[in-house]
Amino acid sequence: MRLGLALGYWGRGPDPAHLALATEAERLGYSSVWTAEAWGSDAFTPLTWIAAHTSRILLGTAVAQMAARSPTATAMHALTLDHLSGGRMMLGLGLSGPQVVEGWYGRPFPASPLTATREYVDVVRQVLRREAPVALEGRFHSHPYLGPDATGLGRPLRPITHPLRADLPLLLGAEGPRNVAQTVRIADGWLPLYWSPLRTGVFREALARLPEGFLIAPMARARVCDDVAEGLLPVKAMLGFYIGGMGHAARNFHADLMARMGFAEEARRVQELFLAGRRQEAVLAVPDAFADEISLVGPRERIAERLELWRSGPVTDLLVTAPDPHTLRVLADLGT
């Protein structure tokens, strides 16, 4: 199981610690570093900055949002950064949810998310292979565009720039069972949002027939500290926000996943409190057991013991969000 560093997206502004953490992760032998986006900083620009200050560590998006760009624009980002970094790019994509797609990107959330994802991946693959001009008669991503307002002048094109790698790794962030199963079929890897090494049965059917070399790369908050309860507070804050606020009361993929993982009643309670404006109560209502299962928090000995649980399953890459270099060093030491 390889170690990766997940930096996430910016808050109010650039995090001055991110570059130092990325360069330290490379020095320690971490396999990869990953950036993200929501509705603020984008995923590709910080990754390019990190690429310019490193030489070996792989560079991934976890995740770049599909609604933010057409599939050809995303493929252009990926092939450009792959060239500039000497073949270190890993493209992680996610569909997001209706609240973000329609509220931030001003686009309709696809009526068939599975079809939209499949078409998006198809177009990106065509660009990277550069075997022929990109052409797809799709429901959501037709190339050329042939909608009722089309001029009729569009024609299939292939990228001017020859991609460095036709097989640039493409991973998908997926949560629902059908979405995970499709990810196994069409992608090179899966980026689980929440992963509990104690509840792998939730995904057993979808992961029953994994292709050789398929990547499973969940994110986990990591912190070496003496007080486990205090160390779990950032995890609970993240869960409270995602389960309570990243979606609608009637359609929240994160809350649905928490329910499938055995915490249905708790997920509903977190949602109720968050949507009622009682955010601090929502955070405190996140069960410690759930927050603990999906993270690595506590003294070194406890983290070492729990790390063995992560190694015992199908995870190939553990992407840690670590707030300090000390935690990165401890995990690197335990990972060798």
C-alpha atoms as a PDB file:
ATOM      1  CA  MET A   1       0.000   0.000   0.000  1.00  0.00           C
ATOM      2  CA  ARG A   2       1.574   3.252  -1.165  1.00  0.00           C
ATOM      3  CA  LEU A   3       1.228   6.549   0.666  1.00  0.00           C
ATOM      4  CA  GLY A   4      -0.046   9.730  -0.958  1.00  0.00           C
ATOM      5  CA  LEU A   5      -0.603  13.245   0.344  1.00  0.00           C
ATOM      6  CA  ALA A   6      -4.047  14.800  -0.185  1.00  0.00           C
ATOM      7  CA  LEU A   7      -3.960  18.584   0.110  1.00  0.00           C
ATOM      8  CA  GLY A   8      -7.607  19.232  -0.743  1.00  0.00           C
ATOM      9  CA  TYR A   9      -8.714  22.682  -1.862  1.00  0.00           C
ATOM     10  CA  TRP A  10      -7.987  26.128  -0.451  1.00  0.00           C
ATOM     11  CA  GLY A  11     -10.135  27.819   2.127  1.00  0.00           C
ATOM     12  CA  ARG A  12     -10.168  31.640   2.292  1.00  0.00           C
ATOM     13  CA  GLY A  13      -6.861  31.766   0.454  1.00  0.00           C
ATOM     14  CA  PRO A  14      -3.753  29.799  -0.474  1.00  0.00           C
ATOM     15  CA  ASP A  15      -2.394  27.591   2.284  1.00  0.00           C
ATOM     16  CA  PRO A  16       1.286  28.551   2.699  1.00  0.00           C
ATOM     17  CA  ALA A  17       2.024  25.101   4.145  1.00  0.00           C
ATOM     18  CA  HIS A  18       0.912  23.123   1.090  1.00  0.00           C
ATOM     19  CA  LEU A  19       4.085  23.439  -0.956  1.00  0.00           C
ATOM     20  CA  ALA A  20       6.286  22.606   2.029  1.00  0.00           C
ATOM     21  CA  LEU A  21       4.149  19.544   2.795  1.00  0.00           C
ATOM     22  CA  ALA A  22       4.338  18.400  -0.844  1.00  0.00           C
ATOM     23  CA  THR A  23       8.123  18.752  -1.040  1.00  0.00           C
ATOM     24  CA  GLU A  24       8.511  17.001   2.327  1.00  0.00           C
ATOM     25  CA  ALA A  25       6.250  14.175   1.127  1.00  0.00           C
ATOM     26  CA  GLU A  26       8.468  13.730  -1.933  1.00  0.00           C
ATOM     27  CA  ARG A  27      11.598  13.687   0.250  1.00  0.00           C
ATOM     28  CA  LEU A  28      10.019  11.034   2.483  1.00  0.00           C
ATOM     29  CA  GLY A  29       9.188   8.793  -0.465  1.00  0.00           C
ATOM     30  CA  TYR A  30       5.459   9.388  -0.742  1.00  0.00           C
ATOM     31  CA  SER A  31       4.146   8.114  -4.046  1.00  0.00           C
ATOM     32  CA  SER A  32       1.745  10.932  -4.929  1.00  0.00           C
ATOM     33  CA  VAL A  33       0.283  14.325  -4.033  1.00  0.00           C
ATOM     34  CA  TRP A  34      -3.327  15.303  -4.786  1.00  0.00           C
ATOM     35  CA  THR A  35      -5.297  18.546  -5.040  1.00  0.00           C
ATOM     36  CA  ALA A  36      -9.048  19.158  -5.168  1.00  0.00           C
ATOM     37  CA  GLU A  37     -11.647  21.788  -6.003  1.00  0.00           C
ATOM     38  CA  ALA A  38     -15.107  22.766  -4.785  1.00  0.00           C
ATOM     39  CA  TRP A  39     -16.226  26.355  -5.474  1.00  0.00           C
ATOM     40  CA  GLY A  40     -13.061  28.365  -4.944  1.00  0.00           C
ATOM     41  CA  SER A  41      -9.560  27.315  -5.922  1.00  0.00           C
ATOM     42  CA  ASP A  42      -9.219  24.999  -8.918  1.00  0.00           C
ATOM     43  CA  ALA A  43      -7.415  21.659  -8.862  1.00  0.00           C
ATOM     44  CA  PHE A  44      -4.954  22.061 -11.740  1.00  0.00           C
ATOM     45  CA  THR A  45      -3.195  25.360 -10.982  1.00  0.00           C
ATOM     46  CA  PRO A  46      -1.870  24.398  -7.512  1.00  0.00           C
ATOM     47  CA  LEU A  47      -0.842  21.022  -8.916  1.00  0.00           C
ATOM     48  CA  THR A  48       1.169  22.739 -11.646  1.00  0.00           C
ATOM     49  CA  TRP A  49       2.876  24.896  -9.007  1.00  0.00           C
ATOM     50  CA  ILE A  50       3.776  21.760  -7.044  1.00  0.00           C
ATOM     51  CA  ALA A  51       5.001  20.067 -10.221  1.00  0.00           C
ATOM     52  CA  ALA A  52       7.435  22.945 -10.781  1.00  0.00           C
ATOM     53  CA  HIS A  53       8.940  22.444  -7.309  1.00  0.00           C
ATOM     54  CA  THR A  54       9.201  18.632  -7.337  1.00  0.00           C
ATOM     55  CA  SER A  55      10.729  16.035  -9.628  1.00  0.00           C
ATOM     56  CA  ARG A  56       9.515  12.542  -8.762  1.00  0.00           C
ATOM     57  CA  ILE A  57       6.227  12.524  -6.881  1.00  0.00           C
ATOM     58  CA  LEU A  58       3.105  11.706  -8.910  1.00  0.00           C
ATOM     59  CA  LEU A  59       0.520  14.479  -9.306  1.00  0.00           C
ATOM     60  CA  GLY A  60      -3.198  13.782  -9.005  1.00  0.00           C
ATOM     61  CA  THR A  61      -6.555  15.548  -8.872  1.00  0.00           C
ATOM     62  CA  ALA A  62      -8.881  14.173  -6.228  1.00  0.00           C
ATOM     63  CA  VAL A  63     -11.062  15.340  -7.660  1.00  0.00           C
ATOM     64  CA  ALA A  64     -11.458  17.673 -10.638  1.00  0.00           C
ATOM     65  CA  GLN A  65     -15.160  18.335 -11.119  1.00  0.00           C
ATOM     66  CA  MET A  66     -16.641  17.284 -14.437  1.00  0.00           C
ATOM     67  CA  ALA A  67     -19.164  20.124 -14.498  1.00  0.00           C
ATOM     68  CA  ALA A  68     -16.334  22.664 -14.355  1.00  0.00           C
ATOM     69  CA  ARG A  69     -15.026  21.851 -17.831  1.00  0.00           C
ATOM     70  CA  SER A  70     -15.955  20.084 -21.009  1.00  0.00           C
ATOM     71  CA  PRO A  71     -14.249  16.685 -21.263  1.00  0.00           C
ATOM     72  CA  THR A  72     -11.937  17.977 -23.985  1.00  0.00           C
ATOM     73  CA  ALA A  73     -10.870  20.916 -21.786  1.00  0.00           C
ATOM     74  CA  THR A  74     -10.131  18.523 -18.927  1.00  0.00           C
ATOM     75  CA  ALA A  75      -8.131  16.291 -21.254  1.00  0.00           C
ATOM     76  CA  MET A  76      -6.150  19.375 -22.378  1.00  0.00           C
ATOM     77  CA  HIS A  77      -5.308  20.190 -18.758  1.00  0.00           C
ATOM     78  CA  ALA A  78      -4.200  16.617 -18.122  1.00  0.00           C
ATOM     79  CA  LEU A  79      -2.063  16.187 -21.240  1.00  0.00           C
ATOM     80  CA  THR A  80      -0.434  19.601 -20.736  1.00  0.00           C
ATOM     81  CA  LEU A  81       0.519  18.947 -17.118  1.00  0.00           C
ATOM     82  CA  ASP A  82       1.638  15.421 -18.004  1.00  0.00           C
ATOM     83  CA  HIS A  83       4.128  16.886 -20.499  1.00  0.00           C
ATOM     84  CA  LEU A  84       5.339  19.615 -18.137  1.00  0.00           C
ATOM     85  CA  SER A  85       5.847  17.162 -15.263  1.00  0.00           C
ATOM     86  CA  GLY A  86       7.549  14.443 -17.295  1.00  0.00           C
ATOM     87  CA  GLY A  87       4.669  11.958 -17.147  1.00  0.00           C
ATOM     88  CA  ARG A  88       3.575  12.317 -13.524  1.00  0.00           C
ATOM     89  CA  MET A  89      -0.085  13.252 -14.009  1.00  0.00           C
ATOM     90  CA  MET A  90      -3.006  11.178 -12.642  1.00  0.00           C
ATOM     91  CA  LEU A  91      -6.463  12.447 -13.532  1.00  0.00           C
ATOM     92  CA  GLY A  92      -9.108  12.006 -10.849  1.00  0.00           C
ATOM     93  CA  LEU A  93     -12.627  13.091 -11.804  1.00  0.00           C
ATOM     94  CA  GLY A  94     -15.886  13.492  -9.906  1.00  0.00           C
ATOM     95  CA  LEU A  95     -19.423  14.410 -10.888  1.00  0.00           C
ATOM     96  CA  SER A  96     -20.271  16.312  -7.671  1.00  0.00           C
ATOM     97  CA  GLY A  97     -23.956  16.839  -6.832  1.00  0.00           C
ATOM     98  CA  PRO A  98     -26.915  18.972  -7.928  1.00  0.00           C
ATOM     99  CA  GLN A  99     -26.239  21.702  -5.369  1.00  0.00           C
ATOM    100  CA  VAL A 100     -22.767  22.421  -6.768  1.00  0.00           C
ATOM    101  CA  VAL A 101     -23.382  21.601 -10.434  1.00  0.00           C
ATOM    102  CA  GLU A 102     -26.468  23.789 -10.704  1.00  0.00           C
ATOM    103  CA  GLY A 103     -25.711  26.319  -7.974  1.00  0.00           C
ATOM    104  CA  TRP A 104     -22.069  27.029  -8.785  1.00  0.00           C
ATOM    105  CA  TYR A 105     -21.470  25.916 -12.348  1.00  0.00           C
ATOM    106  CA  GLY A 106     -24.892  26.975 -13.603  1.00  0.00           C
ATOM    107  CA  ARG A 107     -25.444  23.742 -15.479  1.00  0.00           C
ATOM    108  CA  PRO A 108     -28.171  21.112 -15.191  1.00  0.00           C
ATOM    109  CA  PHE A 109     -27.303  18.082 -13.116  1.00  0.00           C
ATOM    110  CA  PRO A 110     -27.498  15.134 -15.534  1.00  0.00           C
ATOM    111  CA  ALA A 111     -30.687  13.095 -15.385  1.00  0.00           C
ATOM    112  CA  SER A 112     -28.533   9.989 -15.820  1.00  0.00           C
ATOM    113  CA  PRO A 113     -25.280  10.502 -13.874  1.00  0.00           C
ATOM    114  CA  LEU A 114     -23.894   7.126 -14.935  1.00  0.00           C
ATOM    115  CA  THR A 115     -24.358   7.908 -18.630  1.00  0.00           C
ATOM    116  CA  ALA A 116     -22.893  11.397 -18.257  1.00  0.00           C
ATOM    117  CA  THR A 117     -19.837  10.006 -16.478  1.00  0.00           C
ATOM    118  CA  ARG A 118     -19.355   7.253 -19.041  1.00  0.00           C
ATOM    119  CA  GLU A 119     -19.526   9.722 -21.953  1.00  0.00           C
ATOM    120  CA  TYR A 120     -17.138  12.130 -20.231  1.00  0.00           C
ATOM    121  CA  VAL A 121     -14.568   9.397 -19.687  1.00  0.00           C
ATOM    122  CA  ASP A 122     -14.999   8.219 -23.296  1.00  0.00           C
ATOM    123  CA  VAL A 123     -14.171  11.667 -24.670  1.00  0.00           C
ATOM    124  CA  VAL A 124     -11.153  12.135 -22.377  1.00  0.00           C
ATOM    125  CA  ARG A 125      -9.833   8.719 -23.423  1.00  0.00           C
ATOM    126  CA  GLN A 126     -10.257   9.596 -27.114  1.00  0.00           C
ATOM    127  CA  VAL A 127      -8.247  12.794 -26.675  1.00  0.00           C
ATOM    128  CA  LEU A 128      -5.422  11.020 -24.843  1.00  0.00           C
ATOM    129  CA  ARG A 129      -5.236   8.170 -27.355  1.00  0.00           C
ATOM    130  CA  ARG A 130      -5.265  10.534 -30.330  1.00  0.00           C
ATOM    131  CA  GLU A 131      -6.109   7.662 -32.665  1.00  0.00           C
ATOM    132  CA  ALA A 132      -8.742   9.630 -34.572  1.00  0.00           C
ATOM    133  CA  PRO A 133     -10.701  12.881 -34.349  1.00  0.00           C
ATOM    134  CA  VAL A 134     -12.906  12.952 -31.250  1.00  0.00           C
ATOM    135  CA  ALA A 135     -16.412  11.813 -32.145  1.00  0.00           C
ATOM    136  CA  LEU A 136     -19.284  10.772 -29.908  1.00  0.00           C
ATOM    137  CA  GLU A 137     -23.031  10.740 -30.427  1.00  0.00           C
ATOM    138  CA  GLY A 138     -23.767  11.197 -26.753  1.00  0.00           C
ATOM    139  CA  ARG A 139     -26.704  12.220 -24.660  1.00  0.00           C
ATOM    140  CA  PHE A 140     -24.679  14.734 -22.632  1.00  0.00           C
ATOM    141  CA  HIS A 141     -21.317  15.138 -24.374  1.00  0.00           C
ATOM    142  CA  SER A 142     -21.779  14.982 -28.131  1.00  0.00           C
ATOM    143  CA  HIS A 143     -18.740  15.744 -30.279  1.00  0.00           C
ATOM    144  CA  PRO A 144     -19.265  17.594 -32.529  1.00  0.00           C
ATOM    145  CA  TYR A 145     -22.176  19.364 -30.880  1.00  0.00           C
ATOM    146  CA  LEU A 146     -25.391  18.706 -32.808  1.00  0.00           C
ATOM    147  CA  GLY A 147     -28.020  20.294 -30.564  1.00  0.00           C
ATOM    148  CA  PRO A 148     -30.977  22.322 -31.846  1.00  0.00           C
ATOM    149  CA  ASP A 149     -28.978  25.552 -31.574  1.00  0.00           C
ATOM    150  CA  ALA A 150     -25.902  24.196 -33.379  1.00  0.00           C
ATOM    151  CA  THR A 151     -24.595  25.994 -36.461  1.00  0.00           C
ATOM    152  CA  GLY A 152     -23.889  22.694 -38.160  1.00  0.00           C
ATOM    153  CA  LEU A 153     -20.331  23.841 -38.836  1.00  0.00           C
ATOM    154  CA  GLY A 154     -18.615  21.806 -36.150  1.00  0.00           C
ATOM    155  CA  ARG A 155     -16.339  19.002 -37.217  1.00  0.00           C
ATOM    156  CA  PRO A 156     -14.434  16.281 -35.353  1.00  0.00           C
ATOM    157  CA  LEU A 157     -10.940  17.329 -34.274  1.00  0.00           C
ATOM    158  CA  ARG A 158      -7.980  15.580 -32.736  1.00  0.00           C
ATOM    159  CA  PRO A 159      -5.602  17.346 -30.325  1.00  0.00           C
ATOM    160  CA  ILE A 160      -2.829  19.357 -31.967  1.00  0.00           C
ATOM    161  CA  THR A 161      -0.489  18.384 -29.143  1.00  0.00           C
ATOM    162  CA  HIS A 162       0.463  14.715 -29.050  1.00  0.00           C
ATOM    163  CA  PRO A 163      -0.260  13.450 -25.531  1.00  0.00           C
ATOM    164  CA  LEU A 164       2.784  12.144 -23.699  1.00  0.00           C
ATOM    165  CA  ARG A 165       0.885   9.014 -22.573  1.00  0.00           C
ATOM    166  CA  ALA A 166      -2.213   7.487 -24.105  1.00  0.00           C
ATOM    167  CA  ASP A 167      -2.683   5.475 -20.901  1.00  0.00           C
ATOM    168  CA  LEU A 168      -2.520   8.379 -18.456  1.00  0.00           C
ATOM    169  CA  PRO A 169      -4.269   6.973 -15.348  1.00  0.00           C
ATOM    170  CA  LEU A 170      -7.890   8.071 -14.965  1.00  0.00           C
ATOM    171  CA  LEU A 171      -9.622   7.598 -11.621  1.00  0.00           C
ATOM    172  CA  LEU A 172     -13.183   8.367 -10.580  1.00  0.00           C
ATOM    173  CA  GLY A 173     -14.675   9.547  -7.326  1.00  0.00           C
ATOM    174  CA  ALA A 174     -17.810   7.433  -6.893  1.00  0.00           C
ATOM    175  CA  GLU A 175     -20.094   6.743  -3.944  1.00  0.00           C
ATOM    176  CA  GLY A 176     -23.227   4.866  -5.035  1.00  0.00           C
ATOM    177  CA  PRO A 177     -23.016   1.092  -5.655  1.00  0.00           C
ATOM    178  CA  ARG A 178     -23.823   1.342  -9.371  1.00  0.00           C
ATOM    179  CA  ASN A 179     -21.394   4.221  -9.796  1.00  0.00           C
ATOM    180  CA  VAL A 180     -18.610   2.256  -8.087  1.00  0.00           C
ATOM    181  CA  ALA A 181     -19.364  -0.801 -10.241  1.00  0.00           C
ATOM    182  CA  GLN A 182     -19.182   1.328 -13.404  1.00  0.00           C
ATOM    183  CA  THR A 183     -15.914   2.867 -12.189  1.00  0.00           C
ATOM    184  CA  VAL A 184     -14.374  -0.600 -12.022  1.00  0.00           C
ATOM    185  CA  ARG A 185     -15.424  -1.168 -15.638  1.00  0.00           C
ATOM    186  CA  ILE A 186     -14.352   2.111 -17.263  1.00  0.00           C
ATOM    187  CA  ALA A 187     -11.609   3.682 -15.110  1.00  0.00           C
ATOM    188  CA  ASP A 188      -8.096   2.832 -13.949  1.00  0.00           C
ATOM    189  CA  GLY A 189      -8.902   3.473 -10.323  1.00  0.00           C
ATOM    190  CA  TRP A 190     -11.399   4.566  -7.700  1.00  0.00           C
ATOM    191  CA  LEU A 191     -11.172   7.466  -5.235  1.00  0.00           C
ATOM    192  CA  PRO A 192     -13.479   6.605  -2.306  1.00  0.00           C
ATOM    193  CA  LEU A 193     -14.521   9.578  -0.218  1.00  0.00           C
ATOM    194  CA  TYR A 194     -15.051   7.541   2.966  1.00  0.00           C
ATOM    195  CA  TRP A 195     -13.367   4.186   3.453  1.00  0.00           C
ATOM    196  CA  SER A 196     -13.568   2.078   6.573  1.00  0.00           C
ATOM    197  CA  PRO A 197     -11.301  -0.983   6.657  1.00  0.00           C
ATOM    198  CA  LEU A 198     -13.883  -2.479   9.028  1.00  0.00           C
ATOM    199  CA  ARG A 199     -16.755  -2.168   6.546  1.00  0.00           C
ATOM    200  CA  THR A 200     -15.333  -3.254   3.194  1.00  0.00           C
ATOM    201  CA  GLY A 201     -18.404  -5.440   2.706  1.00  0.00           C
ATOM    202  CA  VAL A 202     -20.328  -2.308   1.716  1.00  0.00           C
ATOM    203  CA  PHE A 203     -18.471  -2.432  -1.614  1.00  0.00           C
ATOM    204  CA  ARG A 204     -17.873  -6.186  -1.893  1.00  0.00           C
ATOM    205  CA  GLU A 205     -20.144  -6.789  -4.871  1.00  0.00           C
ATOM    206  CA  ALA A 206     -18.902  -3.772  -6.845  1.00  0.00           C
ATOM    207  CA  LEU A 207     -15.264  -4.738  -6.238  1.00  0.00           C
ATOM    208  CA  ALA A 208     -15.682  -8.477  -6.803  1.00  0.00           C
ATOM    209  CA  ARG A 209     -13.860  -8.555 -10.165  1.00  0.00           C
ATOM    210  CA  LEU A 210     -11.143  -5.910 -10.154  1.00  0.00           C
ATOM    211  CA  PRO A 211      -8.980  -5.581 -13.270  1.00  0.00           C
ATOM    212  CA  GLU A 212      -5.267  -6.146 -12.789  1.00  0.00           C
ATOM    213  CA  GLY A 213      -3.568  -2.969 -11.646  1.00  0.00           C
ATOM    214  CA  PHE A 214      -6.810  -1.240 -10.616  1.00  0.00           C
ATOM    215  CA  LEU A 215      -6.137   1.481  -8.041  1.00  0.00           C
ATOM    216  CA  ILE A 216      -8.193   2.015  -4.890  1.00  0.00           C
ATOM    217  CA  ALA A 217      -7.097   5.271  -3.300  1.00  0.00           C
ATOM    218  CA  PRO A 218      -9.216   6.510  -0.372  1.00  0.00           C
ATOM    219  CA  MET A 219      -8.489   9.652   1.597  1.00  0.00           C
ATOM    220  CA  ALA A 220      -7.992   9.594   5.352  1.00  0.00           C
ATOM    221  CA  ARG A 221      -7.283  12.366   7.822  1.00  0.00           C
ATOM    222  CA  ALA A 222      -4.088  11.570   9.729  1.00  0.00           C
ATOM    223  CA  ARG A 223      -2.697  13.183  12.842  1.00  0.00           C
ATOM    224  CA  VAL A 224      -0.236  11.991  15.444  1.00  0.00           C
ATOM    225  CA  CYS A 225      -1.497  13.265  18.812  1.00  0.00           C
ATOM    226  CA  ASP A 226      -2.069  12.107  22.370  1.00  0.00           C
ATOM    227  CA  ASP A 227      -5.765  13.015  22.622  1.00  0.00           C
ATOM    228  CA  VAL A 228      -7.803  10.919  20.152  1.00  0.00           C
ATOM    229  CA  ALA A 229     -11.064  12.791  20.804  1.00  0.00           C
ATOM    230  CA  GLU A 230      -9.386  16.139  20.124  1.00  0.00           C
ATOM    231  CA  GLY A 231      -7.681  14.747  17.041  1.00  0.00           C
ATOM    232  CA  LEU A 232     -11.005  13.568  15.637  1.00  0.00           C
ATOM    233  CA  LEU A 233     -12.630  17.006  15.809  1.00  0.00           C
ATOM    234  CA  PRO A 234     -11.406  18.105  12.326  1.00  0.00           C
ATOM    235  CA  VAL A 235     -12.694  14.804  10.917  1.00  0.00           C
ATOM    236  CA  LYS A 236     -16.080  15.375  12.525  1.00  0.00           C
ATOM    237  CA  ALA A 237     -16.146  18.975  11.262  1.00  0.00           C
ATOM    238  CA  MET A 238     -15.512  17.735   7.717  1.00  0.00           C
ATOM    239  CA  LEU A 239     -18.183  15.057   8.023  1.00  0.00           C
ATOM    240  CA  GLY A 240     -20.689  17.489   9.508  1.00  0.00           C
ATOM    241  CA  PHE A 241     -20.198  19.839   6.556  1.00  0.00           C
ATOM    242  CA  TYR A 242     -20.331  17.173   3.848  1.00  0.00           C
ATOM    243  CA  ILE A 243     -23.199  15.189   5.334  1.00  0.00           C
ATOM    244  CA  GLY A 244     -25.171  18.214   6.443  1.00  0.00           C
ATOM    245  CA  GLY A 245     -24.347  20.869   3.883  1.00  0.00           C
ATOM    246  CA  MET A 246     -22.933  19.344   0.691  1.00  0.00           C
ATOM    247  CA  GLY A 247     -26.271  18.451  -0.807  1.00  0.00           C
ATOM    248  CA  HIS A 248     -30.019  18.810  -0.379  1.00  0.00           C
ATOM    249  CA  ALA A 249     -32.003  17.275   2.445  1.00  0.00           C
ATOM    250  CA  ALA A 250     -33.647  14.949  -0.062  1.00  0.00           C
ATOM    251  CA  ARG A 251     -30.520  14.260  -2.151  1.00  0.00           C
ATOM    252  CA  ASN A 252     -27.166  14.063  -0.440  1.00  0.00           C
ATOM    253  CA  PHE A 253     -24.800  11.379  -1.747  1.00  0.00           C
ATOM    254  CA  HIS A 254     -22.492  11.705   1.268  1.00  0.00           C
ATOM    255  CA  ALA A 255     -25.302  11.145   3.759  1.00  0.00           C
ATOM    256  CA  ASP A 256     -26.523   8.182   1.705  1.00  0.00           C
ATOM    257  CA  LEU A 257     -23.072   6.606   1.855  1.00  0.00           C
ATOM    258  CA  MET A 258     -22.813   7.089   5.614  1.00  0.00           C
ATOM    259  CA  ALA A 259     -26.204   5.385   5.936  1.00  0.00           C
ATOM    260  CA  ARG A 260     -25.057   2.422   3.827  1.00  0.00           C
ATOM    261  CA  MET A 261     -22.023   2.126   6.085  1.00  0.00           C
ATOM    262  CA  GLY A 262     -24.279   1.493   9.075  1.00  0.00           C
ATOM    263  CA  PHE A 263     -24.928   4.996  10.440  1.00  0.00           C
ATOM    264  CA  ALA A 264     -28.299   5.866   8.899  1.00  0.00           C
ATOM    265  CA  GLU A 265     -29.915   7.346  11.998  1.00  0.00           C
ATOM    266  CA  GLU A 266     -26.821   9.371  12.830  1.00  0.00           C
ATOM    267  CA  ALA A 267     -26.592  10.705   9.269  1.00  0.00           C
ATOM    268  CA  ARG A 268     -30.206  11.917   9.404  1.00  0.00           C
ATOM    269  CA  ARG A 269     -29.572  13.632  12.726  1.00  0.00           C
ATOM    270  CA  VAL A 270     -26.467  15.418  11.417  1.00  0.00           C
ATOM    271  CA  GLN A 271     -28.437  16.616   8.394  1.00  0.00           C
ATOM    272  CA  GLU A 272     -31.330  17.867  10.512  1.00  0.00           C
ATOM    273  CA  LEU A 273     -29.070  19.853  12.826  1.00  0.00           C
ATOM    274  CA  PHE A 274     -26.939  21.324  10.038  1.00  0.00           C
ATOM    275  CA  LEU A 275     -29.900  22.388   7.922  1.00  0.00           C
ATOM    276  CA  ALA A 276     -31.511  23.950  10.995  1.00  0.00           C
ATOM    277  CA  GLY A 277     -28.465  26.201  11.363  1.00  0.00           C
ATOM    278  CA  ARG A 278     -27.159  24.312  14.410  1.00  0.00           C
ATOM    279  CA  ARG A 279     -23.815  23.539  12.817  1.00  0.00           C
ATOM    280  CA  GLN A 280     -21.733  23.012  15.928  1.00  0.00           C
ATOM    281  CA  GLU A 281     -24.316  20.548  17.233  1.00  0.00           C
ATOM    282  CA  ALA A 282     -24.228  18.796  13.852  1.00  0.00           C
ATOM    283  CA  VAL A 283     -20.474  18.344  14.144  1.00  0.00           C
ATOM    284  CA  LEU A 284     -20.758  16.966  17.667  1.00  0.00           C
ATOM    285  CA  ALA A 285     -23.525  14.594  16.505  1.00  0.00           C
ATOM    286  CA  VAL A 286     -21.130  12.848  14.105  1.00  0.00           C
ATOM    287  CA  PRO A 287     -20.376   9.562  15.878  1.00  0.00           C
ATOM    288  CA  ASP A 288     -16.789   9.185  17.062  1.00  0.00           C
ATOM    289  CA  ALA A 289     -16.820   5.582  15.843  1.00  0.00           C
ATOM    290  CA  PHE A 290     -17.473   6.585  12.239  1.00  0.00           C
ATOM    291  CA  ALA A 291     -14.941   9.429  12.280  1.00  0.00           C
ATOM    292  CA  ASP A 292     -12.344   7.119  13.814  1.00  0.00           C
ATOM    293  CA  GLU A 293     -12.861   4.297  11.309  1.00  0.00           C
ATOM    294  CA  ILE A 294     -12.176   6.507   8.283  1.00  0.00           C
ATOM    295  CA  SER A 295      -9.093   8.243   9.726  1.00  0.00           C
ATOM    296  CA  LEU A 296      -5.743   7.597  11.402  1.00  0.00           C
ATOM    297  CA  VAL A 297      -5.630   9.622  14.597  1.00  0.00           C
ATOM    298  CA  GLY A 298      -3.862   9.175  17.915  1.00  0.00           C
ATOM    299  CA  PRO A 299      -0.467   8.203  19.335  1.00  0.00           C
ATOM    300  CA  ARG A 300       2.082   6.555  17.068  1.00  0.00           C
ATOM    301  CA  GLU A 301       1.407   3.067  18.455  1.00  0.00           C
ATOM    302  CA  ARG A 302      -2.327   3.372  17.845  1.00  0.00           C
ATOM    303  CA  ILE A 303      -1.824   4.603  14.284  1.00  0.00           C
ATOM    304  CA  ALA A 304       0.601   1.736  13.600  1.00  0.00           C
ATOM    305  CA  GLU A 305      -1.985  -0.784  14.789  1.00  0.00           C
ATOM    306  CA  ARG A 306      -4.807   0.730  12.759  1.00  0.00           C
ATOM    307  CA  LEU A 307      -2.615   1.097   9.688  1.00  0.00           C
ATOM    308  CA  GLU A 308      -2.424  -2.697   9.527  1.00  0.00           C
ATOM    309  CA  LEU A 309      -6.209  -2.785   9.049  1.00  0.00           C
ATOM    310  CA  TRP A 310      -5.882  -0.548   5.987  1.00  0.00           C
ATOM    311  CA  ARG A 311      -3.110  -2.757   4.588  1.00  0.00           C
ATOM    312  CA  SER A 312      -5.178  -5.919   4.984  1.00  0.00           C
ATOM    313  CA  GLY A 313      -7.807  -4.876   2.415  1.00  0.00           C
ATOM    314  CA  PRO A 314      -7.826  -3.930  -1.275  1.00  0.00           C
ATOM    315  CA  VAL A 315      -6.491  -0.373  -0.818  1.00  0.00           C
ATOM    316  CA  THR A 316      -3.506   0.277  -3.088  1.00  0.00           C
ATOM    317  CA  ASP A 317      -2.881   3.938  -2.201  1.00  0.00           C
ATOM    318  CA  LEU A 318      -3.714   5.650   1.079  1.00  0.00           C
ATOM    319  CA  LEU A 319      -4.082   9.385   0.495  1.00  0.00           C
ATOM    320  CA  VAL A 320      -3.574  11.100   3.829  1.00  0.00           C
ATOM    321  CA  THR A 321      -4.563  14.622   4.716  1.00  0.00           C
ATOM    322  CA  ALA A 322      -1.911  15.434   7.293  1.00  0.00           C
ATOM    323  CA  PRO A 323      -1.683  18.855   8.954  1.00  0.00           C
ATOM    324  CA  ASP A 324       1.996  18.730   9.898  1.00  0.00           C
ATOM    325  CA  PRO A 325       5.342  17.345   8.708  1.00  0.00           C
ATOM    326  CA  HIS A 326       5.706  15.253  11.882  1.00  0.00           C
ATOM    327  CA  THR A 327       2.640  13.199  10.997  1.00  0.00           C
ATOM    328  CA  LEU A 328       3.954  12.751   7.445  1.00  0.00           C
ATOM    329  CA  ARG A 329       7.275  11.493   8.818  1.00  0.00           C
ATOM    330  CA  VAL A 330       5.646   9.060  11.260  1.00  0.00           C
ATOM    331  CA  LEU A 331       3.449   7.579   8.529  1.00  0.00           C
ATOM    332  CA  ALA A 332       6.424   7.289   6.181  1.00  0.00           C
ATOM    333  CA  ASP A 333       8.346   5.459   8.881  1.00  0.00           C
ATOM    334  CA  LEU A 334       5.430   3.121   9.612  1.00  0.00           C
ATOM    335  CA  GLY A 335       4.840   2.553   5.901  1.00  0.00           C
ATOM    336  CA  THR A 336       8.316   1.162   5.221  1.00  0.00           C
END
